[in-house]
Protein backbone atom coordinates (compact mmCIF):
# COMPACT_ATOMS: atom_id res chain seq x y z
CA UNK A 1 -34.25 4.69 -2.29
CA UNK A 2 -30.93 6.86 -1.24
CA UNK A 3 -28.35 7.30 -3.06
CA UNK A 4 -24.94 6.55 -1.67
CA UNK A 5 -21.21 6.68 -2.11
CA UNK A 6 -20.69 3.74 0.19
CA UNK A 7 -22.83 1.17 1.40
CA UNK A 8 -22.19 -1.31 3.91
CA UNK A 9 -24.89 -3.98 4.16
CA UNK A 10 -25.18 -6.29 7.04
CA UNK A 11 -27.41 -9.14 5.56
CA UNK A 12 -29.45 -11.48 8.19
CA UNK A 13 -29.26 -8.43 10.37
CA UNK A 14 -32.87 -7.25 12.38
CA UNK A 15 -33.94 -3.99 11.52
CA UNK A 16 -33.43 -2.40 14.76
CA UNK A 17 -29.97 -2.91 15.20
CA UNK A 18 -29.60 -1.42 11.46
CA UNK A 19 -26.87 1.72 10.85
CA UNK A 20 -24.28 0.56 14.01
CA UNK A 21 -20.39 1.10 13.23
CA UNK A 22 -18.18 -1.73 13.62
CA UNK A 23 -15.30 -1.13 15.74
CA UNK A 24 -12.53 -2.75 13.60
CA UNK A 25 -13.14 -0.96 10.60
CA UNK A 26 -14.84 2.24 11.13
CA UNK A 27 -17.52 0.69 8.57
CA UNK A 28 -21.06 1.39 9.03
CA UNK A 29 -23.32 -1.07 8.59
CA UNK A 30 -27.26 -1.34 7.59
CA UNK A 31 -29.89 -4.20 7.90
CA UNK A 32 -31.21 -5.03 4.01
CA UNK A 33 -34.43 -5.09 4.58
CA UNK A 34 -34.41 -2.05 2.48
CA UNK A 35 -32.98 -3.78 -0.70
CA UNK A 36 -34.31 -6.91 -0.96
CA UNK A 37 -38.13 -8.64 -0.33
CA UNK A 38 -37.23 -12.36 0.42
CA UNK A 39 -34.87 -14.53 2.31
CA UNK A 40 -34.81 -15.55 5.86
CA UNK A 41 -32.39 -13.81 8.39
CA UNK A 42 -29.89 -16.97 9.83
CA UNK A 43 -26.40 -16.34 11.76
CA UNK A 44 -23.77 -19.18 11.63
CA UNK A 45 -23.71 -22.00 14.11
CA UNK A 46 -20.91 -20.79 15.99
CA UNK A 47 -22.56 -16.97 16.64
CA UNK A 48 -25.85 -18.64 18.10
CA UNK A 49 -24.50 -18.19 21.82
CA UNK A 50 -23.44 -14.69 20.57
CA UNK A 51 -26.46 -13.84 19.31
CA UNK A 52 -28.76 -15.00 21.90
CA UNK A 53 -26.67 -12.90 24.20
CA UNK A 54 -25.98 -9.90 22.25
CA UNK A 55 -28.96 -9.49 20.41
CA UNK A 56 -26.23 -8.80 16.86
CA UNK A 57 -23.55 -10.54 15.83
CA UNK A 58 -20.28 -9.43 13.70
CA UNK A 59 -21.45 -8.95 9.91
CA UNK A 60 -19.85 -11.90 8.36
CA UNK A 61 -21.49 -14.20 10.75
CA UNK A 62 -25.49 -13.20 9.98
CA UNK A 63 -26.54 -14.11 6.63
CA UNK A 64 -29.81 -14.02 4.30
CA UNK A 65 -30.52 -17.05 2.40
CA UNK A 66 -32.79 -17.47 0.19
CA UNK A 67 -34.78 -21.37 -0.03
CA UNK A 68 -37.78 -20.00 -2.29
CA UNK A 69 -37.41 -19.08 -6.29
CA UNK A 70 -34.27 -19.58 -8.72
CA UNK A 71 -33.91 -15.49 -8.52
CA UNK A 72 -33.87 -13.26 -6.25
CA UNK A 73 -32.17 -9.71 -6.18
CA UNK A 74 -30.86 -7.00 -4.30
CA UNK A 75 -31.63 -3.62 -5.69
CA UNK A 76 -28.41 -1.39 -4.92
CA UNK A 77 -28.64 2.43 -5.25
CA UNK A 78 -26.88 3.84 -7.92
CA UNK A 79 -26.78 6.99 -10.16
CA UNK A 80 -26.67 6.33 -14.23
CA UNK A 81 -23.47 6.01 -15.14
CA UNK A 82 -21.44 6.47 -12.27
CA UNK A 83 -18.50 3.69 -11.63
CA UNK A 84 -19.48 1.23 -8.45
CA UNK A 85 -17.49 -1.34 -7.22
CA UNK A 86 -19.82 -4.21 -5.49
CA UNK A 87 -18.39 -6.70 -3.39
CA UNK A 88 -19.95 -9.65 -1.52
CA UNK A 89 -19.26 -12.14 1.04
CA UNK A 90 -20.40 -15.39 1.72
CA UNK A 91 -19.73 -17.65 4.84
CA UNK A 92 -21.34 -20.57 4.98
CA UNK A 93 -20.57 -21.53 8.92
CA UNK A 94 -23.32 -24.40 8.78
CA UNK A 95 -26.23 -21.83 9.63
CA UNK A 96 -28.62 -24.41 8.49
CA UNK A 97 -27.30 -27.41 10.62
CA UNK A 98 -26.51 -29.76 7.46
CA UNK A 99 -23.28 -29.86 7.15
CA UNK A 100 -23.29 -29.42 3.52
CA UNK A 101 -19.50 -29.77 2.49
CA UNK A 102 -20.65 -27.84 -0.81
CA UNK A 103 -22.95 -25.42 -1.71
CA UNK A 104 -22.92 -23.70 -5.16
CA UNK A 105 -24.95 -21.09 -6.70
CA UNK A 106 -24.59 -18.15 -9.28
CA UNK A 107 -24.59 -14.15 -8.64
CA UNK A 108 -25.83 -12.13 -11.66
CA UNK A 109 -25.73 -8.01 -12.29
CA UNK A 110 -28.47 -7.33 -14.01
CA UNK A 111 -29.56 -10.64 -16.31
CA UNK A 112 -26.15 -11.99 -17.24
CA UNK A 113 -23.82 -13.98 -14.84
CA UNK A 114 -21.49 -12.08 -12.60
CA UNK A 115 -19.43 -15.44 -11.08
CA UNK A 116 -20.07 -18.99 -9.48
CA UNK A 117 -20.00 -19.34 -5.67
CA UNK A 118 -19.01 -22.60 -3.91
CA UNK A 119 -18.90 -22.88 -0.24
CA UNK A 120 -18.93 -25.41 1.93
CA UNK A 121 -18.48 -26.50 6.15
CA UNK A 122 -14.55 -26.30 5.47
CA UNK A 123 -14.69 -23.09 4.55
CA UNK A 124 -13.36 -21.01 7.72
CA UNK A 125 -12.85 -17.90 6.13
CA UNK A 126 -15.40 -15.62 4.15
CA UNK A 127 -15.57 -16.00 0.04
CA UNK A 128 -14.81 -12.85 -1.37
CA UNK A 129 -16.76 -12.09 -4.82
CA UNK A 130 -16.03 -8.26 -7.04
CA UNK A 131 -16.96 -6.47 -9.92
CA UNK A 132 -16.36 -3.39 -11.26
CA UNK A 133 -19.49 -2.00 -13.51
CA UNK A 134 -21.11 1.24 -14.84
CA UNK A 135 -24.48 2.18 -13.44
CA UNK A 136 -27.25 2.02 -16.14
CA UNK A 137 -29.99 2.95 -14.47
CA UNK A 138 -30.83 4.88 -10.40
CA UNK A 139 -30.42 1.18 -9.38
CA UNK A 140 -28.53 -1.88 -10.00
CA UNK A 141 -30.14 -5.84 -9.29
CA UNK A 142 -27.41 -7.71 -7.70
CA UNK A 143 -28.96 -11.39 -7.90
CA UNK A 144 -28.59 -15.20 -6.30
CA UNK A 145 -29.57 -17.67 -9.09
CA UNK A 146 -30.48 -21.40 -7.72
CA UNK A 147 -28.88 -23.95 -9.64
CA UNK A 148 -30.42 -27.17 -7.99
CA UNK A 149 -26.74 -27.37 -5.76
CA UNK A 150 -27.96 -25.94 -2.46
CA UNK A 151 -29.72 -22.82 -1.03
CA UNK A 152 -27.99 -19.39 -2.27
CA UNK A 153 -26.92 -17.11 0.97
CA UNK A 154 -24.74 -13.77 1.17
CA UNK A 155 -23.43 -12.57 4.47
CA UNK A 156 -22.34 -9.11 3.25
CA UNK A 157 -23.08 -6.50 -0.02
CA UNK A 158 -21.15 -3.98 -0.26
CA UNK A 159 -21.34 -0.84 -2.86
CA UNK A 160 -18.77 1.43 -2.96
CA UNK A 161 -18.68 4.50 -5.43
CA UNK A 162 -15.16 5.12 -7.57
CA UNK A 163 -13.69 8.02 -9.04
CA UNK A 164 -14.34 9.17 -12.54
CA UNK A 165 -11.18 7.29 -14.57
CA UNK A 166 -10.02 5.05 -12.39
CA UNK A 167 -11.46 2.09 -14.65
CA UNK A 168 -11.21 3.54 -18.03
CA UNK A 169 -12.11 0.00 -19.74
CA UNK A 170 -15.31 -0.65 -17.95
CA UNK A 171 -18.38 1.37 -19.67
CA UNK A 172 -22.07 0.64 -19.38
CA UNK A 173 -21.96 -2.80 -21.25
CA UNK A 174 -18.63 -4.35 -20.12
CA UNK A 175 -17.86 -4.76 -16.64
CA UNK A 176 -14.73 -6.30 -14.62
CA UNK A 177 -14.39 -8.80 -11.81
CA UNK A 178 -12.02 -9.58 -9.80
CA UNK A 179 -10.06 -12.51 -10.13
CA UNK A 180 -7.26 -12.67 -7.30
CA UNK A 181 -5.96 -10.53 -4.57
CA UNK A 182 -2.84 -11.26 -2.58
CA UNK A 183 -0.73 -9.22 -0.06
CA UNK A 184 2.85 -9.40 -0.04
CA UNK A 185 4.62 -9.04 2.78
CA UNK A 186 2.08 -10.70 5.54
CA UNK A 187 0.63 -14.20 6.08
CA UNK A 188 -2.69 -12.17 6.73
CA UNK A 189 -5.72 -13.25 3.84
CA UNK A 190 -6.51 -10.02 3.60
CA UNK A 191 -5.75 -6.86 5.12
CA UNK A 192 -8.52 -3.78 5.49
CA UNK A 193 -8.49 0.07 6.25
CA UNK A 194 -9.25 0.22 9.95
CA UNK A 195 -10.16 4.02 9.54
CA UNK A 196 -11.04 4.32 6.11
CA UNK A 197 -14.54 3.92 5.17
CA UNK A 198 -14.32 3.76 1.17
CA UNK A 199 -10.79 1.71 0.42
CA UNK A 200 -11.52 -2.19 -0.56
CA UNK A 201 -9.06 -4.54 0.39
CA UNK A 202 -5.11 -4.34 0.57
CA UNK A 203 -2.71 -1.17 0.19
CA UNK A 204 0.99 -1.29 0.91
CA UNK A 205 2.38 -3.97 -1.64
CA UNK A 206 -1.37 -5.45 -2.73
CA UNK A 207 -2.20 -6.53 -6.00
CA UNK A 208 -5.73 -6.66 -7.54
CA UNK A 209 -7.04 -8.88 -10.82
CA UNK A 210 -9.51 -8.23 -12.47
CA UNK A 211 -10.76 -9.82 -15.65
CA UNK A 212 -13.05 -7.91 -18.01
CA UNK A 213 -15.38 -9.05 -20.85
CA UNK A 214 -13.00 -9.21 -23.61
CA UNK A 215 -9.44 -10.80 -24.08
CA UNK A 216 -7.95 -8.39 -21.76
CA UNK A 217 -5.98 -9.45 -18.81
CA UNK A 218 -6.49 -6.78 -16.31
CA UNK A 219 -3.35 -6.90 -13.13
CA UNK A 220 -4.73 -3.25 -11.12
CA UNK A 221 -2.80 -2.78 -7.67
CA UNK A 222 -5.81 -2.35 -4.69
CA UNK A 223 -6.82 0.89 -5.11
CA UNK A 224 -5.43 3.28 -4.21
CA UNK A 225 -2.20 2.18 -3.89
CA UNK A 226 0.08 1.94 -6.90
CA UNK A 227 -2.45 2.33 -9.37
CA UNK A 228 -0.12 3.66 -11.61
CA UNK A 229 1.93 0.78 -11.98
CA UNK A 230 -1.52 -1.23 -13.43
CA UNK A 231 -0.39 -3.84 -15.87
CA UNK A 232 -2.50 -5.01 -18.80
CA UNK A 233 -1.34 -8.76 -20.04
CA UNK A 234 -3.17 -10.57 -23.10
CA UNK A 235 -5.02 -13.31 -22.02
CA UNK A 236 -8.24 -15.23 -23.91
CA UNK A 237 -11.35 -15.05 -22.15
CA UNK A 238 -14.85 -15.35 -23.65
CA UNK A 239 -16.45 -11.99 -24.22
CA UNK A 240 -19.45 -11.73 -21.74
CA UNK A 241 -21.92 -8.61 -21.24
CA UNK A 242 -23.03 -7.96 -18.08
CA UNK A 243 -25.95 -6.55 -18.71
CA UNK A 244 -28.97 -6.30 -21.03
CA UNK A 245 -31.09 -3.20 -22.04
């Protein structure tokens, strides 16, 4: 499995359209067939006509669902002991024509729960989950877990290798998950770099808040802007470890 400093996966994309460039972000997207061996490809209901006409839709409008099995995992290529940001996006969009008001499932880093995803028909924007972790092997399993409250699915998976020392508290048995990210000075919910392939959301006057596994609440400005202004505030949270060896 090849290593990537940055990897953008368009989940549910037909393999024949793999490795295309998004004209809005200049990010290159690949299909997910190399990284997962189960699931079904779909597009959101509003994109059916576009797929029929063009063969491919924007990354957020295609998805892979997992109607079978309790656990289904993406195997993401990593370098042992390197620090990564993983981002997953979810847009239900009535892809299954069931008009579900709520679909809920868990996502896990390795064997331990990272977060819970709750989405539904009323959501017009994608739900985004992020975590920062240190790779413990040559690949990282990022898993969707069926909890009996709807079929798990995912629209986009992204992996970014981070610079050494960017998040010192993160270690091999301790990760951080994003609690919130806000963009001040604009009405846009998120702003993405147009010509930077490696940057996460937001920049100027942006604030990202990550929660990690002990009793520290991290307020980190979105990388790379204003990193020196990071604040640490005490916050009670149950200790949990992202990986079991």
